[in-house]
Structure formats: C-alpha cells, structure tokens
Amino acid sequence: ELAETLDRPLVPIYRGTDYLAGRTGIL
C-alpha cells in the first residue's frame, strides 16, 4: 500500500521453484 502511495507499485512473488533466481526486491 505504501509503495502504491509512493507511485512505485510492487507485486508479490510467492514461494515456488527458483522464485528468487536473479530477483532484486524486498524479501
């Protein structure tokens, strides 16, 4: 909600096979 308010929307990526591979984000 706060990211949206800051006009920088984020989406969640849920646990799964290799879901973190190469990702940059808030974990």
PDB file of all heavy atoms in Angstrom:
ATOM      1  N   GLU A   1       0.830  -1.204   0.000  1.00  0.00           N
ATOM      2  CA  GLU A   1       0.000   0.000   0.000  1.00  0.00           C
ATOM      3  C   GLU A   1       0.867   1.258   0.000  1.00  0.00           C
ATOM      4  O   GLU A   1       0.596   2.217  -0.727  1.00  0.00           O
ATOM      5  CB  GLU A   1      -0.904  -0.034   1.232  1.00  0.00           C
ATOM      6  CG  GLU A   1      -1.996   0.987   1.255  1.00  0.00           C
ATOM      7  CD  GLU A   1      -2.890   0.803   2.470  1.00  0.00           C
ATOM      8  OE1 GLU A   1      -3.233  -0.351   2.825  1.00  0.00           O
ATOM      9  OE2 GLU A   1      -3.237   1.833   3.084  1.00  0.00           O
ATOM     10  N   LEU A   2       1.915   1.251   0.793  1.00  0.00           N
ATOM     11  CA  LEU A   2       2.800   2.408   0.870  1.00  0.00           C
ATOM     12  C   LEU A   2       3.566   2.595  -0.441  1.00  0.00           C
ATOM     13  O   LEU A   2       3.729   3.723  -0.917  1.00  0.00           O
ATOM     14  CB  LEU A   2       3.758   2.269   2.043  1.00  0.00           C
ATOM     15  CG  LEU A   2       4.567   3.501   2.398  1.00  0.00           C
ATOM     16  CD1 LEU A   2       3.683   4.722   2.642  1.00  0.00           C
ATOM     17  CD2 LEU A   2       5.422   3.228   3.621  1.00  0.00           C
ATOM     18  N   ALA A   3       4.009   1.513  -1.048  1.00  0.00           N
ATOM     19  CA  ALA A   3       4.689   1.610  -2.349  1.00  0.00           C
ATOM     20  C   ALA A   3       3.754   2.220  -3.391  1.00  0.00           C
ATOM     21  O   ALA A   3       4.169   3.061  -4.200  1.00  0.00           O
ATOM     22  CB  ALA A   3       5.178   0.235  -2.791  1.00  0.00           C
ATOM     23  N   GLU A   4       2.503   1.822  -3.371  1.00  0.00           N
ATOM     24  CA  GLU A   4       1.497   2.386  -4.284  1.00  0.00           C
ATOM     25  C   GLU A   4       1.329   3.883  -4.028  1.00  0.00           C
ATOM     26  O   GLU A   4       1.278   4.681  -4.964  1.00  0.00           O
ATOM     27  CB  GLU A   4       0.170   1.644  -4.086  1.00  0.00           C
ATOM     28  CG  GLU A   4      -0.919   2.066  -5.024  1.00  0.00           C
ATOM     29  CD  GLU A   4      -0.800   1.448  -6.409  1.00  0.00           C
ATOM     30  OE1 GLU A   4      -0.319   0.315  -6.523  1.00  0.00           O
ATOM     31  OE2 GLU A   4      -1.194   2.123  -7.367  1.00  0.00           O
ATOM     32  N   THR A   5       1.267   4.266  -2.759  1.00  0.00           N
ATOM     33  CA  THR A   5       1.137   5.677  -2.390  1.00  0.00           C
ATOM     34  C   THR A   5       2.339   6.481  -2.877  1.00  0.00           C
ATOM     35  O   THR A   5       2.205   7.650  -3.246  1.00  0.00           O
ATOM     36  CB  THR A   5       0.989   5.809  -0.850  1.00  0.00           C
ATOM     37  OG1 THR A   5      -0.176   5.085  -0.458  1.00  0.00           O
ATOM     38  CG2 THR A   5       0.854   7.242  -0.410  1.00  0.00           C
ATOM     39  N   LEU A   6       3.506   5.844  -2.899  1.00  0.00           N
ATOM     40  CA  LEU A   6       4.727   6.499  -3.375  1.00  0.00           C
ATOM     41  C   LEU A   6       4.846   6.445  -4.903  1.00  0.00           C
ATOM     42  O   LEU A   6       5.879   6.797  -5.459  1.00  0.00           O
ATOM     43  CB  LEU A   6       5.956   5.818  -2.745  1.00  0.00           C
ATOM     44  CG  LEU A   6       6.134   6.036  -1.247  1.00  0.00           C
ATOM     45  CD1 LEU A   6       7.072   4.989  -0.657  1.00  0.00           C
ATOM     46  CD2 LEU A   6       6.636   7.450  -0.979  1.00  0.00           C
ATOM     47  N   ASP A   7       3.778   6.006  -5.571  1.00  0.00           N
ATOM     48  CA  ASP A   7       3.744   5.870  -7.035  1.00  0.00           C
ATOM     49  C   ASP A   7       4.812   4.923  -7.567  1.00  0.00           C
ATOM     50  O   ASP A   7       5.354   5.115  -8.653  1.00  0.00           O
ATOM     51  CB  ASP A   7       3.857   7.240  -7.733  1.00  0.00           C
ATOM     52  CG  ASP A   7       2.655   8.115  -7.482  1.00  0.00           C
ATOM     53  OD1 ASP A   7       1.541   7.576  -7.428  1.00  0.00           O
ATOM     54  OD2 ASP A   7       2.839   9.337  -7.327  1.00  0.00           O
ATOM     55  N   ARG A   8       5.127   3.907  -6.789  1.00  0.00           N
ATOM     56  CA  ARG A   8       6.103   2.895  -7.188  1.00  0.00           C
ATOM     57  C   ARG A   8       5.533   1.522  -6.839  1.00  0.00           C
ATOM     58  O   ARG A   8       6.043   0.836  -5.956  1.00  0.00           O
ATOM     59  CB  ARG A   8       7.423   3.121  -6.454  1.00  0.00           C
ATOM     60  CG  ARG A   8       8.029   4.504  -6.616  1.00  0.00           C
ATOM     61  CD  ARG A   8       8.653   4.744  -7.968  1.00  0.00           C
ATOM     62  NE  ARG A   8       9.839   3.968  -8.207  1.00  0.00           N
ATOM     63  CZ  ARG A   8      11.056   4.285  -7.750  1.00  0.00           C
ATOM     64  NH1 ARG A   8      11.244   5.361  -7.017  1.00  0.00           N
ATOM     65  NH2 ARG A   8      12.070   3.507  -8.037  1.00  0.00           N
ATOM     66  N   PRO A   9       4.440   1.108  -7.487  1.00  0.00           N
ATOM     67  CA  PRO A   9       3.761  -0.136  -7.107  1.00  0.00           C
ATOM     68  C   PRO A   9       4.664  -1.364  -7.181  1.00  0.00           C
ATOM     69  O   PRO A   9       5.529  -1.473  -8.054  1.00  0.00           O
ATOM     70  CB  PRO A   9       2.598  -0.239  -8.084  1.00  0.00           C
ATOM     71  CG  PRO A   9       2.876   0.734  -9.164  1.00  0.00           C
ATOM     72  CD  PRO A   9       3.847   1.739  -8.652  1.00  0.00           C
ATOM     73  N   LEU A  10       4.445  -2.252  -6.239  1.00  0.00           N
ATOM     74  CA  LEU A  10       5.167  -3.515  -6.160  1.00  0.00           C
ATOM     75  C   LEU A  10       4.162  -4.655  -6.258  1.00  0.00           C
ATOM     76  O   LEU A  10       2.986  -4.485  -5.944  1.00  0.00           O
ATOM     77  CB  LEU A  10       5.917  -3.621  -4.828  1.00  0.00           C
ATOM     78  CG  LEU A  10       6.934  -2.532  -4.506  1.00  0.00           C
ATOM     79  CD1 LEU A  10       7.494  -2.736  -3.103  1.00  0.00           C
ATOM     80  CD2 LEU A  10       8.042  -2.506  -5.540  1.00  0.00           C
ATOM     81  N   VAL A  11       4.658  -5.810  -6.673  1.00  0.00           N
ATOM     82  CA  VAL A  11       3.823  -7.011  -6.711  1.00  0.00           C
ATOM     83  C   VAL A  11       4.543  -8.113  -5.939  1.00  0.00           C
ATOM     84  O   VAL A  11       5.773  -8.187  -5.954  1.00  0.00           O
ATOM     85  CB  VAL A  11       3.522  -7.483  -8.155  1.00  0.00           C
ATOM     86  CG1 VAL A  11       2.657  -6.476  -8.883  1.00  0.00           C
ATOM     87  CG2 VAL A  11       4.794  -7.752  -8.922  1.00  0.00           C
ATOM     88  N   PRO A  12       3.787  -8.952  -5.241  1.00  0.00           N
ATOM     89  CA  PRO A  12       4.416 -10.065  -4.522  1.00  0.00           C
ATOM     90  C   PRO A  12       4.667 -11.246  -5.456  1.00  0.00           C
ATOM     91  O   PRO A  12       3.846 -11.560  -6.309  1.00  0.00           O
ATOM     92  CB  PRO A  12       3.377 -10.420  -3.457  1.00  0.00           C
ATOM     93  CG  PRO A  12       2.073  -9.979  -4.026  1.00  0.00           C
ATOM     94  CD  PRO A  12       2.366  -8.822  -4.934  1.00  0.00           C
ATOM     95  N   ILE A  13       5.818 -11.869  -5.278  1.00  0.00           N
ATOM     96  CA  ILE A  13       6.130 -13.126  -5.955  1.00  0.00           C
ATOM     97  C   ILE A  13       6.225 -14.158  -4.832  1.00  0.00           C
ATOM     98  O   ILE A  13       7.057 -14.033  -3.938  1.00  0.00           O
ATOM     99  CB  ILE A  13       7.482 -13.055  -6.709  1.00  0.00           C
ATOM    100  CG1 ILE A  13       7.525 -11.870  -7.671  1.00  0.00           C
ATOM    101  CG2 ILE A  13       7.775 -14.378  -7.411  1.00  0.00           C
ATOM    102  CD1 ILE A  13       6.556 -11.933  -8.816  1.00  0.00           C
ATOM    103  N   TYR A  14       5.347 -15.133  -4.891  1.00  0.00           N
ATOM    104  CA  TYR A  14       5.260 -16.114  -3.816  1.00  0.00           C
ATOM    105  C   TYR A  14       6.229 -17.264  -4.027  1.00  0.00           C
ATOM    106  O   TYR A  14       6.716 -17.503  -5.133  1.00  0.00           O
ATOM    107  CB  TYR A  14       3.822 -16.613  -3.667  1.00  0.00           C
ATOM    108  CG  TYR A  14       2.886 -15.511  -3.254  1.00  0.00           C
ATOM    109  CD1 TYR A  14       2.121 -14.829  -4.195  1.00  0.00           C
ATOM    110  CD2 TYR A  14       2.813 -15.117  -1.924  1.00  0.00           C
ATOM    111  CE1 TYR A  14       1.283 -13.795  -3.810  1.00  0.00           C
ATOM    112  CE2 TYR A  14       1.972 -14.082  -1.528  1.00  0.00           C
ATOM    113  CZ  TYR A  14       1.205 -13.418  -2.475  1.00  0.00           C
ATOM    114  OH  TYR A  14       0.394 -12.405  -2.097  1.00  0.00           O
ATOM    115  N   ARG A  15       6.473 -17.977  -2.932  1.00  0.00           N
ATOM    116  CA  ARG A  15       7.416 -19.096  -2.943  1.00  0.00           C
ATOM    117  C   ARG A  15       7.078 -20.092  -4.040  1.00  0.00           C
ATOM    118  O   ARG A  15       5.930 -20.433  -4.245  1.00  0.00           O
ATOM    119  CB  ARG A  15       7.383 -19.803  -1.593  1.00  0.00           C
ATOM    120  CG  ARG A  15       7.944 -18.973  -0.470  1.00  0.00           C
ATOM    121  CD  ARG A  15       7.785 -19.688   0.851  1.00  0.00           C
ATOM    122  NE  ARG A  15       8.397 -20.996   0.783  1.00  0.00           N
ATOM    123  CZ  ARG A  15       9.437 -21.365   1.513  1.00  0.00           C
ATOM    124  NH1 ARG A  15       9.947 -20.547   2.389  1.00  0.00           N
ATOM    125  NH2 ARG A  15       9.942 -22.565   1.398  1.00  0.00           N
ATOM    126  N   GLY A  16       8.116 -20.526  -4.698  1.00  0.00           N
ATOM    127  CA  GLY A  16       7.987 -21.520  -5.758  1.00  0.00           C
ATOM    128  C   GLY A  16       9.387 -21.902  -6.203  1.00  0.00           C
ATOM    129  O   GLY A  16      10.375 -21.321  -5.755  1.00  0.00           O
ATOM    130  N   THR A  17       9.476 -22.839  -7.091  1.00  0.00           N
ATOM    131  CA  THR A  17      10.772 -23.283  -7.583  1.00  0.00           C
ATOM    132  C   THR A  17      11.519 -22.113  -8.226  1.00  0.00           C
ATOM    133  O   THR A  17      10.983 -21.464  -9.116  1.00  0.00           O
ATOM    134  CB  THR A  17      10.585 -24.414  -8.613  1.00  0.00           C
ATOM    135  OG1 THR A  17       9.824 -25.450  -8.002  1.00  0.00           O
ATOM    136  CG2 THR A  17      11.927 -24.960  -9.061  1.00  0.00           C
ATOM    137  N   ASP A  18      12.711 -21.860  -7.734  1.00  0.00           N
ATOM    138  CA  ASP A  18      13.581 -20.803  -8.266  1.00  0.00           C
ATOM    139  C   ASP A  18      12.929 -19.417  -8.305  1.00  0.00           C
ATOM    140  O   ASP A  18      13.280 -18.600  -9.143  1.00  0.00           O
ATOM    141  CB  ASP A  18      14.087 -21.172  -9.662  1.00  0.00           C
ATOM    142  CG  ASP A  18      15.024 -22.351  -9.638  1.00  0.00           C
ATOM    143  OD1 ASP A  18      15.716 -22.538  -8.616  1.00  0.00           O
ATOM    144  OD2 ASP A  18      15.068 -23.093 -10.634  1.00  0.00           O
ATOM    145  N   TYR A  19      11.994 -19.135  -7.415  1.00  0.00           N
ATOM    146  CA  TYR A  19      11.301 -17.848  -7.447  1.00  0.00           C
ATOM    147  C   TYR A  19      12.203 -16.668  -7.093  1.00  0.00           C
ATOM    148  O   TYR A  19      11.888 -15.537  -7.426  1.00  0.00           O
ATOM    149  CB  TYR A  19      10.050 -17.874  -6.569  1.00  0.00           C
ATOM    150  CG  TYR A  19      10.284 -17.689  -5.077  1.00  0.00           C
ATOM    151  CD1 TYR A  19       9.831 -16.549  -4.438  1.00  0.00           C
ATOM    152  CD2 TYR A  19      10.927 -18.663  -4.313  1.00  0.00           C
ATOM    153  CE1 TYR A  19      10.013 -16.385  -3.071  1.00  0.00           C
ATOM    154  CE2 TYR A  19      11.110 -18.513  -2.968  1.00  0.00           C
ATOM    155  CZ  TYR A  19      10.657 -17.371  -2.345  1.00  0.00           C
ATOM    156  OH  TYR A  19      10.839 -17.204  -0.997  1.00  0.00           O
ATOM    157  N   LEU A  20      13.340 -16.922  -6.469  1.00  0.00           N
ATOM    158  CA  LEU A  20      14.265 -15.842  -6.129  1.00  0.00           C
ATOM    159  C   LEU A  20      15.396 -15.689  -7.151  1.00  0.00           C
ATOM    160  O   LEU A  20      16.137 -14.707  -7.095  1.00  0.00           O
ATOM    161  CB  LEU A  20      14.876 -16.073  -4.745  1.00  0.00           C
ATOM    162  CG  LEU A  20      13.906 -16.103  -3.572  1.00  0.00           C
ATOM    163  CD1 LEU A  20      14.644 -16.382  -2.272  1.00  0.00           C
ATOM    164  CD2 LEU A  20      13.106 -14.812  -3.485  1.00  0.00           C
ATOM    165  N   ALA A  21      15.512 -16.619  -8.069  1.00  0.00           N
ATOM    166  CA  ALA A  21      16.631 -16.629  -9.020  1.00  0.00           C
ATOM    167  C   ALA A  21      16.722 -15.308  -9.778  1.00  0.00           C
ATOM    168  O   ALA A  21      15.800 -14.915 -10.483  1.00  0.00           O
ATOM    169  CB  ALA A  21      16.480 -17.790  -9.991  1.00  0.00           C
ATOM    170  N   GLY A  22      17.835 -14.611  -9.586  1.00  0.00           N
ATOM    171  CA  GLY A  22      18.093 -13.360 -10.291  1.00  0.00           C
ATOM    172  C   GLY A  22      17.253 -12.174  -9.860  1.00  0.00           C
ATOM    173  O   GLY A  22      17.366 -11.098 -10.428  1.00  0.00           O
ATOM    174  N   ARG A  23      16.399 -12.340  -8.866  1.00  0.00           N
ATOM    175  CA  ARG A  23      15.488 -11.264  -8.468  1.00  0.00           C
ATOM    176  C   ARG A  23      16.158 -10.235  -7.558  1.00  0.00           C
ATOM    177  O   ARG A  23      16.995 -10.572  -6.729  1.00  0.00           O
ATOM    178  CB  ARG A  23      14.295 -11.828  -7.719  1.00  0.00           C
ATOM    179  CG  ARG A  23      13.403 -12.652  -8.588  1.00  0.00           C
ATOM    180  CD  ARG A  23      11.961 -12.321  -8.286  1.00  0.00           C
ATOM    181  NE  ARG A  23      11.108 -13.286  -8.929  1.00  0.00           N
ATOM    182  CZ  ARG A  23      10.491 -13.058 -10.077  1.00  0.00           C
ATOM    183  NH1 ARG A  23      10.613 -11.916 -10.686  1.00  0.00           N
ATOM    184  NH2 ARG A  23       9.720 -13.992 -10.610  1.00  0.00           N
ATOM    185  N   THR A  24      15.704  -9.005  -7.715  1.00  0.00           N
ATOM    186  CA  THR A  24      16.039  -7.930  -6.800  1.00  0.00           C
ATOM    187  C   THR A  24      14.711  -7.396  -6.279  1.00  0.00           C
ATOM    188  O   THR A  24      13.801  -7.129  -7.076  1.00  0.00           O
ATOM    189  CB  THR A  24      16.831  -6.811  -7.514  1.00  0.00           C
ATOM    190  OG1 THR A  24      18.072  -7.360  -7.962  1.00  0.00           O
ATOM    191  CG2 THR A  24      17.100  -5.641  -6.586  1.00  0.00           C
ATOM    192  N   GLY A  25      14.588  -7.295  -4.966  1.00  0.00           N
ATOM    193  CA  GLY A  25      13.341  -6.823  -4.384  1.00  0.00           C
ATOM    194  C   GLY A  25      13.414  -6.816  -2.871  1.00  0.00           C
ATOM    195  O   GLY A  25      14.481  -6.929  -2.279  1.00  0.00           O
ATOM    196  N   ILE A  26      12.260  -6.682  -2.260  1.00  0.00           N
ATOM    197  CA  ILE A  26      12.143  -6.672  -0.804  1.00  0.00           C
ATOM    198  C   ILE A  26      11.683  -8.068  -0.387  1.00  0.00           C
ATOM    199  O   ILE A  26      10.593  -8.496  -0.751  1.00  0.00           O
ATOM    200  CB  ILE A  26      11.150  -5.594  -0.340  1.00  0.00           C
ATOM    201  CG1 ILE A  26      11.621  -4.212  -0.802  1.00  0.00           C
ATOM    202  CG2 ILE A  26      10.987  -5.636   1.177  1.00  0.00           C
ATOM    203  CD1 ILE A  26      10.607  -3.103  -0.580  1.00  0.00           C
ATOM    204  N   LEU A  27      12.537  -8.750   0.349  1.00  0.00           N
ATOM    205  CA  LEU A  27      12.297 -10.147   0.705  1.00  0.00           C
ATOM    206  C   LEU A  27      11.842 -10.265   2.150  1.00  0.00           C
ATOM    207  O   LEU A  27      12.478  -9.732   3.053  1.00  0.00           O
ATOM    208  CB  LEU A  27      13.584 -10.960   0.499  1.00  0.00           C
ATOM    209  CG  LEU A  27      13.542 -12.439   0.866  1.00  0.00           C
ATOM    210  CD1 LEU A  27      12.546 -13.194  -0.015  1.00  0.00           C
ATOM    211  CD2 LEU A  27      14.936 -13.046   0.738  1.00  0.00           C
TER     212      LEU A  27
END
